[in-house]
């Protein structure tokens, strides 16, 4: 048991080292409007420590985590830029969807298109960010297709709450600190964002045909 716990602890350290830059960049993004930070300089400052951790733990399996670390600096830089863009645009798209839904004349086709784009970006975030996945975890809740405009608007408000909770998660506010429960909760929120945005897209298309 002691050996297992030691191995688990080393694994968590390895993951914190390899995911630190992603979390740092997203934490920066959530405060960018008030306190702009040069992400490139932040990456350089952490590079030496990250490289040391990688050399020390490169042979340790990251049990419970999804993706292997990106080692190539050019690929890492490109991935980091893509994560920042998707992280920012899911918020922008959701705000635009709210405006479309609550306009005098609801444009279902436009709403469906924005929901599809939001789902695509949220899915890419889930594939790029290394979250801790709890075994046999339950969903936050079950979502249903909207059968009318009122239900559709309610789904959009629920989506906004999910996105706000996701982007303000402590997981992104504490770079270099891996909290298993926070990571798992943030992962669940992102999974729900993907599911609900798909439901909004599908419901908008159905309502467009019957309107």
C-alpha atoms as a PDB file:
ATOM      1  CA  UNK A   1       0.000   0.000   0.000  1.00  0.00           C
ATOM      2  CA  UNK A   2       2.840   2.418   0.865  1.00  0.00           C
ATOM      3  CA  UNK A   3       4.510   1.634  -2.429  1.00  0.00           C
ATOM      4  CA  UNK A   4       1.276   2.325  -4.294  1.00  0.00           C
ATOM      5  CA  UNK A   5       0.747   5.654  -2.516  1.00  0.00           C
ATOM      6  CA  UNK A   6       4.307   6.689  -3.259  1.00  0.00           C
ATOM      7  CA  UNK A   7       3.895   5.799  -6.907  1.00  0.00           C
ATOM      8  CA  UNK A   8       0.597   7.714  -7.018  1.00  0.00           C
ATOM      9  CA  UNK A   9       2.150  10.791  -5.474  1.00  0.00           C
ATOM     10  CA  UNK A  10       5.007  10.724  -7.984  1.00  0.00           C
ATOM     11  CA  UNK A  11       2.472  10.422 -10.783  1.00  0.00           C
ATOM     12  CA  UNK A  12       0.567  13.467  -9.570  1.00  0.00           C
ATOM     13  CA  UNK A  13       3.789  15.483  -9.417  1.00  0.00           C
ATOM     14  CA  UNK A  14       4.585  14.486 -12.975  1.00  0.00           C
ATOM     15  CA  UNK A  15       1.171  15.589 -14.187  1.00  0.00           C
ATOM     16  CA  UNK A  16       1.393  18.879 -12.354  1.00  0.00           C
ATOM     17  CA  UNK A  17       4.702  19.554 -14.061  1.00  0.00           C
ATOM     18  CA  UNK A  18       3.480  18.743 -17.557  1.00  0.00           C
ATOM     19  CA  UNK A  19       0.147  20.539 -17.250  1.00  0.00           C
ATOM     20  CA  UNK A  20       1.355  23.608 -15.342  1.00  0.00           C
ATOM     21  CA  UNK A  21       1.790  25.768 -18.422  1.00  0.00           C
ATOM     22  CA  UNK A  22      -1.723  25.073 -19.692  1.00  0.00           C
ATOM     23  CA  UNK A  23      -3.304  25.937 -16.355  1.00  0.00           C
ATOM     24  CA  UNK A  24      -1.119  29.047 -15.996  1.00  0.00           C
ATOM     25  CA  UNK A  25      -2.156  30.280 -19.436  1.00  0.00           C
ATOM     26  CA  UNK A  26      -5.848  29.784 -18.742  1.00  0.00           C
ATOM     27  CA  UNK A  27      -5.603  31.464 -15.354  1.00  0.00           C
ATOM     28  CA  UNK A  28      -3.988  34.397 -17.133  1.00  0.00           C
ATOM     29  CA  UNK A  29      -6.771  34.458 -19.709  1.00  0.00           C
ATOM     30  CA  UNK A  30      -9.521  34.751 -17.092  1.00  0.00           C
ATOM     31  CA  UNK A  31      -7.865  37.933 -15.756  1.00  0.00           C
ATOM     32  CA  UNK A  32      -6.589  39.295 -19.069  1.00  0.00           C
ATOM     33  CA  UNK A  33      -9.079  42.154 -19.304  1.00  0.00           C
ATOM     34  CA  UNK A  34      -7.911  43.601 -15.995  1.00  0.00           C
ATOM     35  CA  UNK A  35      -4.269  42.471 -15.802  1.00  0.00           C
ATOM     36  CA  UNK A  36      -2.665  41.603 -19.163  1.00  0.00           C
ATOM     37  CA  UNK A  37       0.235  39.153 -18.807  1.00  0.00           C
ATOM     38  CA  UNK A  38       2.835  38.098 -21.296  1.00  0.00           C
ATOM     39  CA  UNK A  39       2.238  34.331 -21.544  1.00  0.00           C
ATOM     40  CA  UNK A  40       5.459  33.785 -23.456  1.00  0.00           C
ATOM     41  CA  UNK A  41       7.538  35.206 -20.625  1.00  0.00           C
ATOM     42  CA  UNK A  42       5.610  33.122 -18.106  1.00  0.00           C
ATOM     43  CA  UNK A  43       6.386  30.021 -20.128  1.00  0.00           C
ATOM     44  CA  UNK A  44      10.096  30.804 -20.231  1.00  0.00           C
ATOM     45  CA  UNK A  45      10.136  31.336 -16.467  1.00  0.00           C
ATOM     46  CA  UNK A  46       8.659  27.892 -15.869  1.00  0.00           C
ATOM     47  CA  UNK A  47      10.508  26.024 -18.612  1.00  0.00           C
ATOM     48  CA  UNK A  48      13.558  25.044 -16.579  1.00  0.00           C
ATOM     49  CA  UNK A  49      11.524  23.642 -13.698  1.00  0.00           C
ATOM     50  CA  UNK A  50       9.243  21.757 -16.077  1.00  0.00           C
ATOM     51  CA  UNK A  51      12.180  20.218 -17.936  1.00  0.00           C
ATOM     52  CA  UNK A  52      13.691  19.034 -14.664  1.00  0.00           C
ATOM     53  CA  UNK A  53      10.454  17.386 -13.593  1.00  0.00           C
ATOM     54  CA  UNK A  54      10.052  15.745 -16.997  1.00  0.00           C
ATOM     55  CA  UNK A  55      13.526  14.238 -16.873  1.00  0.00           C
ATOM     56  CA  UNK A  56      12.869  12.917 -13.399  1.00  0.00           C
ATOM     57  CA  UNK A  57       9.443  11.436 -14.055  1.00  0.00           C
ATOM     58  CA  UNK A  58       9.416  10.763 -17.792  1.00  0.00           C
ATOM     59  CA  UNK A  59       9.109   6.995 -17.288  1.00  0.00           C
ATOM     60  CA  UNK A  60       6.273   7.180 -14.793  1.00  0.00           C
ATOM     61  CA  UNK A  61       2.806   6.367 -16.106  1.00  0.00           C
ATOM     62  CA  UNK A  62       0.255   9.127 -15.491  1.00  0.00           C
ATOM     63  CA  UNK A  63      -2.414   6.873 -14.033  1.00  0.00           C
ATOM     64  CA  UNK A  64      -5.926   8.314 -14.283  1.00  0.00           C
ATOM     65  CA  UNK A  65      -4.974  11.097 -16.673  1.00  0.00           C
ATOM     66  CA  UNK A  66      -5.933  11.289 -20.292  1.00  0.00           C
ATOM     67  CA  UNK A  67      -3.251  12.518 -22.650  1.00  0.00           C
ATOM     68  CA  UNK A  68       0.558  12.279 -22.683  1.00  0.00           C
ATOM     69  CA  UNK A  69       2.471  15.513 -22.340  1.00  0.00           C
ATOM     70  CA  UNK A  70       3.391  17.541 -25.399  1.00  0.00           C
ATOM     71  CA  UNK A  71       7.192  17.650 -25.517  1.00  0.00           C
ATOM     72  CA  UNK A  72       7.999  19.452 -28.786  1.00  0.00           C
ATOM     73  CA  UNK A  73       8.233  23.189 -27.900  1.00  0.00           C
ATOM     74  CA  UNK A  74       6.693  24.246 -31.211  1.00  0.00           C
ATOM     75  CA  UNK A  75       3.751  21.896 -30.802  1.00  0.00           C
ATOM     76  CA  UNK A  76       3.349  23.017 -27.207  1.00  0.00           C
ATOM     77  CA  UNK A  77       3.268  26.655 -28.234  1.00  0.00           C
ATOM     78  CA  UNK A  78       0.687  25.961 -30.937  1.00  0.00           C
ATOM     79  CA  UNK A  79      -1.434  23.899 -28.550  1.00  0.00           C
ATOM     80  CA  UNK A  80      -1.250  26.578 -25.881  1.00  0.00           C
ATOM     81  CA  UNK A  81      -2.407  29.216 -28.365  1.00  0.00           C
ATOM     82  CA  UNK A  82      -5.298  27.007 -29.477  1.00  0.00           C
ATOM     83  CA  UNK A  83      -6.365  26.319 -25.889  1.00  0.00           C
ATOM     84  CA  UNK A  84      -6.376  30.052 -25.095  1.00  0.00           C
ATOM     85  CA  UNK A  85      -8.425  30.811 -28.191  1.00  0.00           C
ATOM     86  CA  UNK A  86     -10.998  28.100 -27.507  1.00  0.00           C
ATOM     87  CA  UNK A  87     -11.162  29.017 -23.810  1.00  0.00           C
ATOM     88  CA  UNK A  88     -11.963  32.628 -24.697  1.00  0.00           C
ATOM     89  CA  UNK A  89     -14.334  31.946 -27.589  1.00  0.00           C
ATOM     90  CA  UNK A  90     -16.645  29.543 -25.781  1.00  0.00           C
ATOM     91  CA  UNK A  91     -17.492  32.529 -23.566  1.00  0.00           C
ATOM     92  CA  UNK A  92     -17.907  34.872 -26.531  1.00  0.00           C
ATOM     93  CA  UNK A  93     -20.063  32.378 -28.422  1.00  0.00           C
ATOM     94  CA  UNK A  94     -22.298  31.778 -25.424  1.00  0.00           C
ATOM     95  CA  UNK A  95     -22.876  35.523 -24.991  1.00  0.00           C
ATOM     96  CA  UNK A  96     -23.732  35.787 -28.681  1.00  0.00           C
ATOM     97  CA  UNK A  97     -26.147  32.862 -28.381  1.00  0.00           C
ATOM     98  CA  UNK A  98     -27.914  34.571 -25.474  1.00  0.00           C
ATOM     99  CA  UNK A  99     -28.346  37.731 -27.542  1.00  0.00           C
ATOM    100  CA  UNK A 100     -29.719  35.758 -30.491  1.00  0.00           C
ATOM    101  CA  UNK A 101     -32.144  33.790 -28.321  1.00  0.00           C
ATOM    102  CA  UNK A 102     -33.542  36.830 -26.529  1.00  0.00           C
ATOM    103  CA  UNK A 103     -33.781  39.066 -29.601  1.00  0.00           C
ATOM    104  CA  UNK A 104     -37.186  40.204 -30.865  1.00  0.00           C
ATOM    105  CA  UNK A 105     -36.923  37.701 -33.719  1.00  0.00           C
ATOM    106  CA  UNK A 106     -35.139  34.480 -32.771  1.00  0.00           C
ATOM    107  CA  UNK A 107     -32.869  33.236 -35.583  1.00  0.00           C
ATOM    108  CA  UNK A 108     -32.806  29.459 -35.018  1.00  0.00           C
ATOM    109  CA  UNK A 109     -30.374  28.792 -37.852  1.00  0.00           C
ATOM    110  CA  UNK A 110     -27.850  31.301 -36.513  1.00  0.00           C
ATOM    111  CA  UNK A 111     -28.255  29.915 -32.995  1.00  0.00           C
ATOM    112  CA  UNK A 112     -27.673  26.351 -34.207  1.00  0.00           C
ATOM    113  CA  UNK A 113     -24.497  27.423 -36.010  1.00  0.00           C
ATOM    114  CA  UNK A 114     -23.056  29.133 -32.938  1.00  0.00           C
ATOM    115  CA  UNK A 115     -23.962  26.152 -30.754  1.00  0.00           C
ATOM    116  CA  UNK A 116     -22.137  23.848 -33.171  1.00  0.00           C
ATOM    117  CA  UNK A 117     -19.035  26.074 -33.053  1.00  0.00           C
ATOM    118  CA  UNK A 118     -19.157  26.185 -29.260  1.00  0.00           C
ATOM    119  CA  UNK A 119     -19.417  22.392 -29.068  1.00  0.00           C
ATOM    120  CA  UNK A 120     -16.453  22.013 -31.445  1.00  0.00           C
ATOM    121  CA  UNK A 121     -14.248  24.280 -29.352  1.00  0.00           C
ATOM    122  CA  UNK A 122     -15.327  22.751 -26.038  1.00  0.00           C
ATOM    123  CA  UNK A 123     -14.628  19.280 -27.414  1.00  0.00           C
ATOM    124  CA  UNK A 124     -11.157  20.375 -28.477  1.00  0.00           C
ATOM    125  CA  UNK A 125     -10.509  21.780 -24.997  1.00  0.00           C
ATOM    126  CA  UNK A 126     -11.473  18.453 -23.474  1.00  0.00           C
ATOM    127  CA  UNK A 127      -9.046  16.700 -25.800  1.00  0.00           C
ATOM    128  CA  UNK A 128      -6.220  19.164 -25.047  1.00  0.00           C
ATOM    129  CA  UNK A 129      -6.400  19.763 -21.294  1.00  0.00           C
ATOM    130  CA  UNK A 130      -5.266  16.969 -18.999  1.00  0.00           C
ATOM    131  CA  UNK A 131      -7.978  16.461 -16.406  1.00  0.00           C
ATOM    132  CA  UNK A 132      -8.155  13.877 -13.679  1.00  0.00           C
ATOM    133  CA  UNK A 133     -10.994  11.443 -14.381  1.00  0.00           C
ATOM    134  CA  UNK A 134     -12.704   9.751 -11.439  1.00  0.00           C
ATOM    135  CA  UNK A 135     -13.848   6.204 -12.026  1.00  0.00           C
ATOM    136  CA  UNK A 136     -17.612   5.552 -12.063  1.00  0.00           C
ATOM    137  CA  UNK A 137     -18.357   9.251 -11.712  1.00  0.00           C
ATOM    138  CA  UNK A 138     -21.942  10.433 -12.147  1.00  0.00           C
ATOM    139  CA  UNK A 139     -23.078  13.199 -14.471  1.00  0.00           C
ATOM    140  CA  UNK A 140     -23.972  16.587 -13.029  1.00  0.00           C
ATOM    141  CA  UNK A 141     -27.490  16.177 -14.395  1.00  0.00           C
ATOM    142  CA  UNK A 142     -29.447  14.913 -17.399  1.00  0.00           C
ATOM    143  CA  UNK A 143     -30.354  17.366 -20.152  1.00  0.00           C
ATOM    144  CA  UNK A 144     -33.364  17.100 -22.456  1.00  0.00           C
ATOM    145  CA  UNK A 145     -34.086  18.471 -25.920  1.00  0.00           C
ATOM    146  CA  UNK A 146     -36.045  21.734 -25.915  1.00  0.00           C
ATOM    147  CA  UNK A 147     -39.521  21.365 -27.395  1.00  0.00           C
ATOM    148  CA  UNK A 148     -40.318  25.091 -27.410  1.00  0.00           C
ATOM    149  CA  UNK A 149     -38.626  28.486 -27.301  1.00  0.00           C
ATOM    150  CA  UNK A 150     -39.009  28.863 -23.542  1.00  0.00           C
ATOM    151  CA  UNK A 151     -37.208  25.594 -22.889  1.00  0.00           C
ATOM    152  CA  UNK A 152     -34.533  26.535 -25.403  1.00  0.00           C
ATOM    153  CA  UNK A 153     -33.859  29.808 -23.609  1.00  0.00           C
ATOM    154  CA  UNK A 154     -33.670  27.975 -20.296  1.00  0.00           C
ATOM    155  CA  UNK A 155     -31.095  25.595 -21.787  1.00  0.00           C
ATOM    156  CA  UNK A 156     -29.028  28.592 -22.866  1.00  0.00           C
ATOM    157  CA  UNK A 157     -29.097  30.057 -19.372  1.00  0.00           C
ATOM    158  CA  UNK A 158     -28.029  26.703 -17.950  1.00  0.00           C
ATOM    159  CA  UNK A 159     -25.200  26.577 -20.476  1.00  0.00           C
ATOM    160  CA  UNK A 160     -24.073  30.041 -19.415  1.00  0.00           C
ATOM    161  CA  UNK A 161     -23.919  28.949 -15.768  1.00  0.00           C
ATOM    162  CA  UNK A 162     -21.873  25.898 -16.728  1.00  0.00           C
ATOM    163  CA  UNK A 163     -19.433  27.966 -18.792  1.00  0.00           C
ATOM    164  CA  UNK A 164     -19.046  30.571 -16.048  1.00  0.00           C
ATOM    165  CA  UNK A 165     -18.312  27.857 -13.513  1.00  0.00           C
ATOM    166  CA  UNK A 166     -15.877  26.178 -15.894  1.00  0.00           C
ATOM    167  CA  UNK A 167     -13.812  29.261 -16.772  1.00  0.00           C
ATOM    168  CA  UNK A 168     -13.721  30.412 -13.116  1.00  0.00           C
ATOM    169  CA  UNK A 169     -12.777  27.005 -11.764  1.00  0.00           C
ATOM    170  CA  UNK A 170     -10.038  26.988  -9.087  1.00  0.00           C
ATOM    171  CA  UNK A 171      -8.364  24.418 -11.344  1.00  0.00           C
ATOM    172  CA  UNK A 172      -7.331  27.309 -13.613  1.00  0.00           C
ATOM    173  CA  UNK A 173      -6.581  29.750 -10.806  1.00  0.00           C
ATOM    174  CA  UNK A 174      -3.828  27.713  -9.155  1.00  0.00           C
ATOM    175  CA  UNK A 175      -1.186  26.805 -11.739  1.00  0.00           C
ATOM    176  CA  UNK A 176       1.118  24.056 -10.600  1.00  0.00           C
ATOM    177  CA  UNK A 177      -1.341  22.738  -7.986  1.00  0.00           C
ATOM    178  CA  UNK A 178      -3.270  19.591  -8.855  1.00  0.00           C
ATOM    179  CA  UNK A 179      -6.459  19.149  -6.830  1.00  0.00           C
ATOM    180  CA  UNK A 180      -8.049  15.869  -7.911  1.00  0.00           C
ATOM    181  CA  UNK A 181     -11.601  16.844  -6.951  1.00  0.00           C
ATOM    182  CA  UNK A 182     -11.391  20.255  -8.620  1.00  0.00           C
ATOM    183  CA  UNK A 183      -9.936  18.738 -11.755  1.00  0.00           C
ATOM    184  CA  UNK A 184     -12.667  16.090 -11.903  1.00  0.00           C
ATOM    185  CA  UNK A 185     -15.421  18.688 -11.352  1.00  0.00           C
ATOM    186  CA  UNK A 186     -14.016  20.963 -14.056  1.00  0.00           C
ATOM    187  CA  UNK A 187     -13.877  18.003 -16.411  1.00  0.00           C
ATOM    188  CA  UNK A 188     -17.520  17.169 -15.679  1.00  0.00           C
ATOM    189  CA  UNK A 189     -18.553  20.771 -16.340  1.00  0.00           C
ATOM    190  CA  UNK A 190     -16.790  20.743 -19.703  1.00  0.00           C
ATOM    191  CA  UNK A 191     -18.418  17.431 -20.610  1.00  0.00           C
ATOM    192  CA  UNK A 192     -21.828  18.933 -19.770  1.00  0.00           C
ATOM    193  CA  UNK A 193     -21.030  22.020 -21.855  1.00  0.00           C
ATOM    194  CA  UNK A 194     -20.350  19.777 -24.835  1.00  0.00           C
ATOM    195  CA  UNK A 195     -23.551  17.793 -24.324  1.00  0.00           C
ATOM    196  CA  UNK A 196     -25.782  20.803 -23.740  1.00  0.00           C
ATOM    197  CA  UNK A 197     -24.414  22.795 -26.676  1.00  0.00           C
ATOM    198  CA  UNK A 198     -25.174  19.805 -28.905  1.00  0.00           C
ATOM    199  CA  UNK A 199     -28.728  19.635 -27.532  1.00  0.00           C
ATOM    200  CA  UNK A 200     -29.199  23.368 -28.195  1.00  0.00           C
ATOM    201  CA  UNK A 201     -27.945  22.925 -31.748  1.00  0.00           C
ATOM    202  CA  UNK A 202     -30.277  19.981 -32.366  1.00  0.00           C
ATOM    203  CA  UNK A 203     -33.266  21.656 -30.717  1.00  0.00           C
ATOM    204  CA  UNK A 204     -32.733  24.886 -32.675  1.00  0.00           C
ATOM    205  CA  UNK A 205     -32.777  22.987 -35.946  1.00  0.00           C
ATOM    206  CA  UNK A 206     -36.024  21.207 -35.002  1.00  0.00           C
ATOM    207  CA  UNK A 207     -37.706  24.413 -33.869  1.00  0.00           C
ATOM    208  CA  UNK A 208     -36.573  26.154 -37.051  1.00  0.00           C
ATOM    209  CA  UNK A 209     -38.456  23.568 -39.112  1.00  0.00           C
ATOM    210  CA  UNK A 210     -41.653  23.943 -37.110  1.00  0.00           C
ATOM    211  CA  UNK A 211     -41.630  27.726 -36.697  1.00  0.00           C
END
